[in-house]
Amino acid sequence: MFEAKLEDATLFRKIIEALKEIIKEGNFECSEPGITFQGVDQSFIALVQLTLRRQGFSHYRVDDTINLGINIENILKLLKCGGTKDSLTLSSQDDSDILSLFFESESRTAKFDHKLMVIDSEALTVPPMNYNTQCNMPSAEFARIVRDLATIGETVQISITKTGITFSVESPTGSGSVTLNNDDGSEKSSSGIKIKVEEEISQKFPLRYLNNFAKAAPLAENVSLKLSPESPFCVDFRMVLPGKGDEQGTPLGALRFFLAPKADETEDE
């Protein structure tokens, strides 16, 4: 048997909404440490990894590791039936083809069933990746930048130096750039931008993918952008449940997106 309860039902809905534009369906593996998901988009360009730790659930039970084959679009329809103040319990019996969703609040309860799928997919093996350049920034700022630049062009160039990070775009109709300065900890610096640079780097990426990644911005206060000449671009959202009063928040897990940089057209000629 599998049971997992989140006190905030909207949190799981936001996770599924962030996956929707990248993944259509996939297996959610529920095991003793928690829930994991991994998949690639239909073009095999973007990869997504989701990890939800059992410590982030108010109740978590799994008797044996179980794979839940879920259609992202269909389960999202059910999740939208939950109220903003509801808790959510996910439940599935052994050898069942049903995942039940229980919504509860002080004034209402609701139950919906999602028909599970049998999804044959090869396990993806992602080798360990070392990133020597990293920028931590507010998630909302990242989402705003890629949304604004997408109105100008299709490709963004991300350049990171010790002093800041620059997003720039060019198109036949115009160009634009946004530069965020590194927060050096001084009184005059309050950008919230933290940069770790071993090697300055500049790479290009399709904005439509970054726009889809940015749909995860409501899940985390900050996002970590990791670049390396030898590894795919990583957009890493770390989810933390808010603490009560002066208590520290509880780490729930992470939602990570990976994307290969666009080849330099001048090098291909």
C-alpha atoms as a PDB file:
ATOM      1  CA  MET A   1       0.000   0.000   0.000  1.00  0.00           C
ATOM      2  CA  PHE A   2       1.063   3.571  -0.695  1.00  0.00           C
ATOM      3  CA  GLU A   3      -0.164   6.692   1.135  1.00  0.00           C
ATOM      4  CA  ALA A   4       1.287  10.194   1.189  1.00  0.00           C
ATOM      5  CA  LYS A   5      -0.281  13.332   2.640  1.00  0.00           C
ATOM      6  CA  LEU A   6       0.625  16.933   1.891  1.00  0.00           C
ATOM      7  CA  GLU A   7      -0.929  19.594   4.079  1.00  0.00           C
ATOM      8  CA  ASP A   8      -1.059  21.976   1.106  1.00  0.00           C
ATOM      9  CA  ALA A   9      -2.817  20.418  -1.889  1.00  0.00           C
ATOM     10  CA  THR A  10      -1.902  23.341  -4.161  1.00  0.00           C
ATOM     11  CA  LEU A  11       1.778  22.442  -3.836  1.00  0.00           C
ATOM     12  CA  PHE A  12       1.403  19.155  -5.692  1.00  0.00           C
ATOM     13  CA  ARG A  13      -0.782  20.848  -8.296  1.00  0.00           C
ATOM     14  CA  LYS A  14       1.956  23.407  -8.959  1.00  0.00           C
ATOM     15  CA  ILE A  15       4.509  20.611  -9.359  1.00  0.00           C
ATOM     16  CA  ILE A  16       2.338  18.864 -11.947  1.00  0.00           C
ATOM     17  CA  GLU A  17       1.691  22.179 -13.717  1.00  0.00           C
ATOM     18  CA  ALA A  18       5.459  22.681 -13.978  1.00  0.00           C
ATOM     19  CA  LEU A  19       5.851  19.245 -15.551  1.00  0.00           C
ATOM     20  CA  LYS A  20       2.935  19.564 -17.975  1.00  0.00           C
ATOM     21  CA  GLU A  21       4.716  21.467 -20.749  1.00  0.00           C
ATOM     22  CA  ILE A  22       7.712  19.113 -20.719  1.00  0.00           C
ATOM     23  CA  ILE A  23       6.305  15.657 -19.967  1.00  0.00           C
ATOM     24  CA  LYS A  24       3.019  14.089 -21.055  1.00  0.00           C
ATOM     25  CA  GLU A  25       3.181  10.913 -18.952  1.00  0.00           C
ATOM     26  CA  GLY A  26       5.588   8.898 -16.842  1.00  0.00           C
ATOM     27  CA  ASN A  27       6.240   6.641 -13.867  1.00  0.00           C
ATOM     28  CA  PHE A  28       6.370   8.136 -10.386  1.00  0.00           C
ATOM     29  CA  GLU A  29       8.427   5.792  -8.229  1.00  0.00           C
ATOM     30  CA  CYS A  30       7.273   5.674  -4.603  1.00  0.00           C
ATOM     31  CA  SER A  31       9.805   4.091  -2.259  1.00  0.00           C
ATOM     32  CA  GLU A  32      11.014   4.337   1.335  1.00  0.00           C
ATOM     33  CA  PRO A  33      12.991   7.593   0.829  1.00  0.00           C
ATOM     34  CA  GLY A  34      10.140   9.326  -1.013  1.00  0.00           C
ATOM     35  CA  ILE A  35       8.780   9.933  -4.505  1.00  0.00           C
ATOM     36  CA  THR A  36      10.969  10.341  -7.581  1.00  0.00           C
ATOM     37  CA  PHE A  37      10.249  11.020 -11.231  1.00  0.00           C
ATOM     38  CA  GLN A  38      12.481  11.344 -14.263  1.00  0.00           C
ATOM     39  CA  GLY A  39      11.678  11.833 -17.926  1.00  0.00           C
ATOM     40  CA  VAL A  40      12.545  13.541 -21.184  1.00  0.00           C
ATOM     41  CA  ASP A  41      10.390  15.585 -23.499  1.00  0.00           C
ATOM     42  CA  GLN A  42       9.183  14.181 -26.818  1.00  0.00           C
ATOM     43  CA  SER A  43      12.053  15.852 -28.692  1.00  0.00           C
ATOM     44  CA  PHE A  44      14.647  14.348 -26.309  1.00  0.00           C
ATOM     45  CA  ILE A  45      16.058  17.815 -25.722  1.00  0.00           C
ATOM     46  CA  ALA A  46      15.019  18.520 -22.121  1.00  0.00           C
ATOM     47  CA  LEU A  47      15.254  16.233 -19.107  1.00  0.00           C
ATOM     48  CA  VAL A  48      13.395  16.681 -15.840  1.00  0.00           C
ATOM     49  CA  GLN A  49      14.090  15.176 -12.413  1.00  0.00           C
ATOM     50  CA  LEU A  50      11.716  15.402  -9.451  1.00  0.00           C
ATOM     51  CA  THR A  51      12.526  14.343  -5.902  1.00  0.00           C
ATOM     52  CA  LEU A  52      10.028  14.575  -3.028  1.00  0.00           C
ATOM     53  CA  ARG A  53      11.463  13.497   0.326  1.00  0.00           C
ATOM     54  CA  ARG A  54       9.253  11.573   2.732  1.00  0.00           C
ATOM     55  CA  GLN A  55      10.127  14.105   5.464  1.00  0.00           C
ATOM     56  CA  GLY A  56       8.115  16.722   3.563  1.00  0.00           C
ATOM     57  CA  PHE A  57       4.869  14.752   3.937  1.00  0.00           C
ATOM     58  CA  SER A  58       2.812  14.882   7.125  1.00  0.00           C
ATOM     59  CA  HIS A  59       2.075  11.174   6.587  1.00  0.00           C
ATOM     60  CA  TYR A  60       3.986   8.777   4.358  1.00  0.00           C
ATOM     61  CA  ARG A  61       3.637   5.026   4.010  1.00  0.00           C
ATOM     62  CA  VAL A  62       4.905   2.633   1.377  1.00  0.00           C
ATOM     63  CA  ASP A  63       5.007  -1.109   1.976  1.00  0.00           C
ATOM     64  CA  ASP A  64       6.927  -1.934  -1.199  1.00  0.00           C
ATOM     65  CA  THR A  65       8.386   0.220  -3.938  1.00  0.00           C
ATOM     66  CA  ILE A  66       5.626   1.009  -6.423  1.00  0.00           C
ATOM     67  CA  ASN A  67       5.561   2.721  -9.818  1.00  0.00           C
ATOM     68  CA  LEU A  68       2.556   4.902 -10.577  1.00  0.00           C
ATOM     69  CA  GLY A  69       2.047   5.420 -14.311  1.00  0.00           C
ATOM     70  CA  ILE A  70       0.460   8.859 -14.505  1.00  0.00           C
ATOM     71  CA  ASN A  71      -0.905  10.930 -17.362  1.00  0.00           C
ATOM     72  CA  ILE A  72       0.124  14.468 -16.442  1.00  0.00           C
ATOM     73  CA  GLU A  73      -2.731  16.281 -18.166  1.00  0.00           C
ATOM     74  CA  ASN A  74      -5.430  13.993 -16.755  1.00  0.00           C
ATOM     75  CA  ILE A  75      -4.258  14.099 -13.142  1.00  0.00           C
ATOM     76  CA  LEU A  76      -3.918  17.885 -13.357  1.00  0.00           C
ATOM     77  CA  LYS A  77      -7.646  18.108 -14.128  1.00  0.00           C
ATOM     78  CA  LEU A  78      -8.353  16.286 -10.858  1.00  0.00           C
ATOM     79  CA  LEU A  79      -5.885  18.360  -8.868  1.00  0.00           C
ATOM     80  CA  LYS A  80      -7.637  21.546  -9.970  1.00  0.00           C
ATOM     81  CA  CYS A  81     -10.734  20.284  -8.159  1.00  0.00           C
ATOM     82  CA  GLY A  82      -8.981  20.784  -4.809  1.00  0.00           C
ATOM     83  CA  GLY A  83      -9.533  23.904  -2.717  1.00  0.00           C
ATOM     84  CA  THR A  84      -6.825  26.391  -1.780  1.00  0.00           C
ATOM     85  CA  LYS A  85      -7.065  25.370   1.884  1.00  0.00           C
ATOM     86  CA  ASP A  86      -7.270  21.623   1.283  1.00  0.00           C
ATOM     87  CA  SER A  87      -4.783  18.961   2.245  1.00  0.00           C
ATOM     88  CA  LEU A  88      -4.101  16.196  -0.275  1.00  0.00           C
ATOM     89  CA  THR A  89      -3.636  12.493   0.357  1.00  0.00           C
ATOM     90  CA  LEU A  90      -2.438  10.266  -2.466  1.00  0.00           C
ATOM     91  CA  SER A  91      -3.303   6.601  -2.038  1.00  0.00           C
ATOM     92  CA  SER A  92      -2.965   3.401  -4.044  1.00  0.00           C
ATOM     93  CA  GLN A  93      -3.523  -0.205  -3.028  1.00  0.00           C
ATOM     94  CA  ASP A  94      -1.143  -3.000  -3.981  1.00  0.00           C
ATOM     95  CA  ASP A  95      -1.847  -4.403  -7.457  1.00  0.00           C
ATOM     96  CA  SER A  96      -4.405  -1.648  -8.095  1.00  0.00           C
ATOM     97  CA  ASP A  97      -4.667   0.428 -11.262  1.00  0.00           C
ATOM     98  CA  ILE A  98      -6.150   3.383  -9.386  1.00  0.00           C
ATOM     99  CA  LEU A  99      -4.508   6.336  -7.648  1.00  0.00           C
ATOM    100  CA  SER A 100      -6.974   8.009  -5.277  1.00  0.00           C
ATOM    101  CA  LEU A 101      -6.798  11.694  -4.425  1.00  0.00           C
ATOM    102  CA  PHE A 102      -8.416  12.790  -1.147  1.00  0.00           C
ATOM    103  CA  PHE A 103      -8.933  16.507  -0.540  1.00  0.00           C
ATOM    104  CA  GLU A 104      -9.778  17.616   2.998  1.00  0.00           C
ATOM    105  CA  SER A 105     -10.433  20.908   4.769  1.00  0.00           C
ATOM    106  CA  GLU A 106     -12.436  21.953   7.820  1.00  0.00           C
ATOM    107  CA  SER A 107     -15.602  22.297   5.758  1.00  0.00           C
ATOM    108  CA  ARG A 108     -15.303  19.782   2.916  1.00  0.00           C
ATOM    109  CA  THR A 109     -13.924  16.466   1.748  1.00  0.00           C
ATOM    110  CA  ALA A 110     -13.605  15.204  -1.815  1.00  0.00           C
ATOM    111  CA  LYS A 111     -12.297  12.047  -3.452  1.00  0.00           C
ATOM    112  CA  PHE A 112     -11.233  11.485  -7.046  1.00  0.00           C
ATOM    113  CA  ASP A 113      -9.699   8.448  -8.751  1.00  0.00           C
ATOM    114  CA  HIS A 114      -7.059   8.566 -11.464  1.00  0.00           C
ATOM    115  CA  LYS A 115      -6.721   5.530 -13.724  1.00  0.00           C
ATOM    116  CA  LEU A 116      -3.066   4.505 -13.716  1.00  0.00           C
ATOM    117  CA  MET A 117      -1.231   3.626 -16.909  1.00  0.00           C
ATOM    118  CA  VAL A 118       1.220   0.860 -17.714  1.00  0.00           C
ATOM    119  CA  ILE A 119       4.185   2.796 -19.073  1.00  0.00           C
ATOM    120  CA  ASP A 120       7.152   0.922 -20.456  1.00  0.00           C
ATOM    121  CA  SER A 121      10.124   3.216 -20.244  1.00  0.00           C
ATOM    122  CA  GLU A 122      13.819   2.567 -19.933  1.00  0.00           C
ATOM    123  CA  ALA A 123      15.427   3.815 -16.752  1.00  0.00           C
ATOM    124  CA  LEU A 124      17.478   6.910 -17.555  1.00  0.00           C
ATOM    125  CA  THR A 125      20.965   6.958 -16.149  1.00  0.00           C
ATOM    126  CA  VAL A 126      22.212  10.478 -15.595  1.00  0.00           C
ATOM    127  CA  PRO A 127      25.926  10.559 -14.790  1.00  0.00           C
ATOM    128  CA  PRO A 128      27.159  12.844 -11.999  1.00  0.00           C
ATOM    129  CA  MET A 129      27.722  16.335 -13.338  1.00  0.00           C
ATOM    130  CA  ASN A 130      30.194  18.886 -12.049  1.00  0.00           C
ATOM    131  CA  TYR A 131      29.344  22.542 -12.449  1.00  0.00           C
ATOM    132  CA  ASN A 132      32.082  25.114 -12.001  1.00  0.00           C
ATOM    133  CA  THR A 133      29.784  28.087 -12.616  1.00  0.00           C
ATOM    134  CA  GLN A 134      26.608  28.702 -10.634  1.00  0.00           C
ATOM    135  CA  CYS A 135      24.203  31.576 -10.064  1.00  0.00           C
ATOM    136  CA  ASN A 136      21.531  31.615  -7.351  1.00  0.00           C
ATOM    137  CA  MET A 137      18.789  34.158  -7.954  1.00  0.00           C
ATOM    138  CA  PRO A 138      15.136  34.816  -7.072  1.00  0.00           C
ATOM    139  CA  SER A 139      12.870  32.475  -9.029  1.00  0.00           C
ATOM    140  CA  ALA A 140      10.393  35.232  -9.821  1.00  0.00           C
ATOM    141  CA  GLU A 141      13.154  37.344 -11.387  1.00  0.00           C
ATOM    142  CA  PHE A 142      14.292  34.441 -13.559  1.00  0.00           C
ATOM    143  CA  ALA A 143      10.718  33.838 -14.737  1.00  0.00           C
ATOM    144  CA  ARG A 144      10.239  37.525 -15.547  1.00  0.00           C
ATOM    145  CA  ILE A 145      13.470  37.774 -17.539  1.00  0.00           C
ATOM    146  CA  VAL A 146      12.874  34.759 -19.779  1.00  0.00           C
ATOM    147  CA  ARG A 147       9.241  35.787 -20.299  1.00  0.00           C
ATOM    148  CA  ASP A 148      10.220  39.322 -21.329  1.00  0.00           C
ATOM    149  CA  LEU A 149      13.064  38.251 -23.621  1.00  0.00           C
ATOM    150  CA  ALA A 150      10.873  35.631 -25.313  1.00  0.00           C
ATOM    151  CA  THR A 151       8.809  38.492 -26.746  1.00  0.00           C
ATOM    152  CA  ILE A 152      11.912  39.690 -28.622  1.00  0.00           C
ATOM    153  CA  GLY A 153      13.624  36.541 -29.878  1.00  0.00           C
ATOM    154  CA  GLU A 154      13.826  32.773 -29.700  1.00  0.00           C
ATOM    155  CA  THR A 155      17.327  32.271 -28.277  1.00  0.00           C
ATOM    156  CA  VAL A 156      18.893  33.701 -25.140  1.00  0.00           C
ATOM    157  CA  GLN A 157      22.582  33.935 -24.424  1.00  0.00           C
ATOM    158  CA  ILE A 158      23.451  33.530 -20.753  1.00  0.00           C
ATOM    159  CA  SER A 159      26.819  34.886 -19.686  1.00  0.00           C
ATOM    160  CA  ILE A 160      28.150  34.571 -16.142  1.00  0.00           C
ATOM    161  CA  THR A 161      31.190  36.389 -14.792  1.00  0.00           C
ATOM    162  CA  LYS A 162      32.368  37.122 -11.269  1.00  0.00           C
ATOM    163  CA  THR A 163      30.542  40.463 -11.333  1.00  0.00           C
ATOM    164  CA  GLY A 164      27.145  39.348 -12.618  1.00  0.00           C
ATOM    165  CA  ILE A 165      24.917  37.403 -14.963  1.00  0.00           C
ATOM    166  CA  THR A 166      23.640  38.715 -18.307  1.00  0.00           C
ATOM    167  CA  PHE A 167      20.702  37.446 -20.359  1.00  0.00           C
ATOM    168  CA  SER A 168      20.752  38.767 -23.926  1.00  0.00           C
ATOM    169  CA  VAL A 169      18.644  38.171 -27.014  1.00  0.00           C
ATOM    170  CA  GLU A 170      18.804  39.273 -30.650  1.00  0.00           C
ATOM    171  CA  SER A 171      16.322  39.024 -33.493  1.00  0.00           C
ATOM    172  CA  PRO A 172      15.753  40.635 -36.903  1.00  0.00           C
ATOM    173  CA  THR A 173      13.363  43.079 -35.247  1.00  0.00           C
ATOM    174  CA  GLY A 174      15.368  44.073 -32.190  1.00  0.00           C
ATOM    175  CA  SER A 175      17.566  43.068 -29.291  1.00  0.00           C
ATOM    176  CA  GLY A 176      17.731  43.336 -25.528  1.00  0.00           C
ATOM    177  CA  SER A 177      19.660  42.330 -22.461  1.00  0.00           C
ATOM    178  CA  VAL A 178      19.258  42.162 -18.695  1.00  0.00           C
ATOM    179  CA  THR A 179      22.238  42.172 -16.339  1.00  0.00           C
ATOM    180  CA  LEU A 180      22.022  41.314 -12.655  1.00  0.00           C
ATOM    181  CA  ASN A 181      24.968  42.271 -10.481  1.00  0.00           C
ATOM    182  CA  ASN A 182      26.515  39.850  -8.026  1.00  0.00           C
ATOM    183  CA  ASP A 183      25.508  40.560  -4.428  1.00  0.00           C
ATOM    184  CA  ASP A 184      28.831  41.210  -2.697  1.00  0.00           C
ATOM    185  CA  GLY A 185      27.278  41.446   0.760  1.00  0.00           C
ATOM    186  CA  SER A 186      27.752  45.196   1.101  1.00  0.00           C
ATOM    187  CA  GLU A 187      25.016  47.521   2.369  1.00  0.00           C
ATOM    188  CA  LYS A 188      24.533  48.936  -1.119  1.00  0.00           C
ATOM    189  CA  SER A 189      24.155  45.479  -2.663  1.00  0.00           C
ATOM    190  CA  SER A 190      20.835  43.712  -2.128  1.00  0.00           C
ATOM    191  CA  SER A 191      20.160  42.006  -5.445  1.00  0.00           C
ATOM    192  CA  GLY A 192      19.877  38.525  -3.964  1.00  0.00           C
ATOM    193  CA  ILE A 193      22.209  37.274  -6.717  1.00  0.00           C
ATOM    194  CA  LYS A 194      24.900  34.879  -5.528  1.00  0.00           C
ATOM    195  CA  ILE A 195      27.485  33.819  -8.092  1.00  0.00           C
ATOM    196  CA  LYS A 196      30.164  31.175  -7.815  1.00  0.00           C
ATOM    197  CA  VAL A 197      32.544  31.243 -10.757  1.00  0.00           C
ATOM    198  CA  GLU A 198      35.570  29.075 -11.395  1.00  0.00           C
ATOM    199  CA  GLU A 199      35.377  29.725 -15.124  1.00  0.00           C
ATOM    200  CA  GLU A 200      33.485  32.506 -16.877  1.00  0.00           C
ATOM    201  CA  ILE A 201      31.039  31.039 -19.371  1.00  0.00           C
ATOM    202  CA  SER A 202      28.584  32.079 -22.077  1.00  0.00           C
ATOM    203  CA  GLN A 203      26.067  29.711 -23.694  1.00  0.00           C
ATOM    204  CA  LYS A 204      22.886  29.947 -25.791  1.00  0.00           C
ATOM    205  CA  PHE A 205      19.548  28.258 -25.112  1.00  0.00           C
ATOM    206  CA  PRO A 206      16.073  28.185 -26.698  1.00  0.00           C
ATOM    207  CA  LEU A 207      13.812  30.503 -24.731  1.00  0.00           C
ATOM    208  CA  ARG A 208      10.691  28.385 -25.134  1.00  0.00           C
ATOM    209  CA  TYR A 209      12.260  25.696 -22.970  1.00  0.00           C
ATOM    210  CA  LEU A 210      13.411  28.164 -20.326  1.00  0.00           C
ATOM    211  CA  ASN A 211       9.909  29.635 -20.252  1.00  0.00           C
ATOM    212  CA  ASN A 212       8.541  26.161 -19.552  1.00  0.00           C
ATOM    213  CA  PHE A 213      11.134  25.589 -16.825  1.00  0.00           C
ATOM    214  CA  ALA A 214      10.178  28.906 -15.238  1.00  0.00           C
ATOM    215  CA  LYS A 215       6.664  27.605 -14.594  1.00  0.00           C
ATOM    216  CA  ALA A 216       8.238  25.988 -11.515  1.00  0.00           C
ATOM    217  CA  ALA A 217       9.086  29.426 -10.081  1.00  0.00           C
ATOM    218  CA  PRO A 218       6.106  29.423  -7.638  1.00  0.00           C
ATOM    219  CA  LEU A 219       7.552  26.292  -6.004  1.00  0.00           C
ATOM    220  CA  ALA A 220      10.748  27.863  -4.715  1.00  0.00           C
ATOM    221  CA  GLU A 221      11.884  31.281  -3.585  1.00  0.00           C
ATOM    222  CA  ASN A 222      15.201  30.905  -5.394  1.00  0.00           C
ATOM    223  CA  VAL A 223      16.531  29.043  -8.398  1.00  0.00           C
ATOM    224  CA  SER A 224      20.064  27.872  -9.071  1.00  0.00           C
ATOM    225  CA  LEU A 225      21.382  28.164 -12.627  1.00  0.00           C
ATOM    226  CA  LYS A 226      24.340  25.840 -13.210  1.00  0.00           C
ATOM    227  CA  LEU A 227      26.538  25.923 -16.288  1.00  0.00           C
ATOM    228  CA  SER A 228      29.541  23.980 -17.496  1.00  0.00           C
ATOM    229  CA  PRO A 229      31.200  23.479 -20.896  1.00  0.00           C
ATOM    230  CA  GLU A 230      30.958  19.714 -20.397  1.00  0.00           C
ATOM    231  CA  SER A 231      27.428  19.342 -18.952  1.00  0.00           C
ATOM    232  CA  PRO A 232      23.856  20.354 -19.809  1.00  0.00           C
ATOM    233  CA  PHE A 233      22.475  23.574 -18.356  1.00  0.00           C
ATOM    234  CA  CYS A 234      20.753  22.837 -15.032  1.00  0.00           C
ATOM    235  CA  VAL A 235      17.837  24.885 -13.668  1.00  0.00           C
ATOM    236  CA  ASP A 236      17.436  23.733 -10.075  1.00  0.00           C
ATOM    237  CA  PHE A 237      14.445  24.609  -7.895  1.00  0.00           C
ATOM    238  CA  ARG A 238      14.771  23.512  -4.233  1.00  0.00           C
ATOM    239  CA  MET A 239      11.383  23.250  -2.532  1.00  0.00           C
ATOM    240  CA  VAL A 240      11.040  24.055   1.175  1.00  0.00           C
ATOM    241  CA  LEU A 241       7.859  23.857   3.242  1.00  0.00           C
ATOM    242  CA  PRO A 242       7.407  27.001   5.367  1.00  0.00           C
ATOM    243  CA  GLY A 243       8.008  26.630   9.079  1.00  0.00           C
ATOM    244  CA  LYS A 244       5.626  27.737  11.792  1.00  0.00           C
ATOM    245  CA  GLY A 245       6.579  30.820  13.733  1.00  0.00           C
ATOM    246  CA  ASP A 246      10.342  30.902  14.207  1.00  0.00           C
ATOM    247  CA  GLU A 247      10.782  27.307  13.051  1.00  0.00           C
ATOM    248  CA  GLN A 248      12.930  26.601  10.034  1.00  0.00           C
ATOM    249  CA  GLY A 249      11.263  25.316   6.913  1.00  0.00           C
ATOM    250  CA  THR A 250      11.317  21.612   6.032  1.00  0.00           C
ATOM    251  CA  PRO A 251      13.073  20.617   2.795  1.00  0.00           C
ATOM    252  CA  LEU A 252      10.537  18.901   0.547  1.00  0.00           C
ATOM    253  CA  GLY A 253      12.747  18.090  -2.404  1.00  0.00           C
ATOM    254  CA  ALA A 254      13.896  19.437  -5.746  1.00  0.00           C
ATOM    255  CA  LEU A 255      12.660  19.920  -9.282  1.00  0.00           C
ATOM    256  CA  ARG A 256      15.516  20.078 -11.784  1.00  0.00           C
ATOM    257  CA  PHE A 257      15.515  20.698 -15.509  1.00  0.00           C
ATOM    258  CA  PHE A 258      18.432  19.952 -17.834  1.00  0.00           C
ATOM    259  CA  LEU A 259      18.968  21.398 -21.305  1.00  0.00           C
ATOM    260  CA  ALA A 260      21.837  21.116 -23.773  1.00  0.00           C
ATOM    261  CA  PRO A 261      23.179  24.445 -25.073  1.00  0.00           C
ATOM    262  CA  LYS A 262      22.621  25.430 -28.689  1.00  0.00           C
ATOM    263  CA  ALA A 263      25.591  24.865 -30.939  1.00  0.00           C
ATOM    264  CA  ASP A 264      27.356  27.986 -32.147  1.00  0.00           C
ATOM    265  CA  GLU A 265      26.305  28.361 -35.772  1.00  0.00           C
ATOM    266  CA  THR A 266      29.650  29.910 -36.673  1.00  0.00           C
ATOM    267  CA  GLU A 267      31.391  26.747 -35.499  1.00  0.00           C
ATOM    268  CA  ASP A 268      29.127  24.566 -37.619  1.00  0.00           C
ATOM    269  CA  GLU A 269      29.876  26.397 -40.850  1.00  0.00           C
END
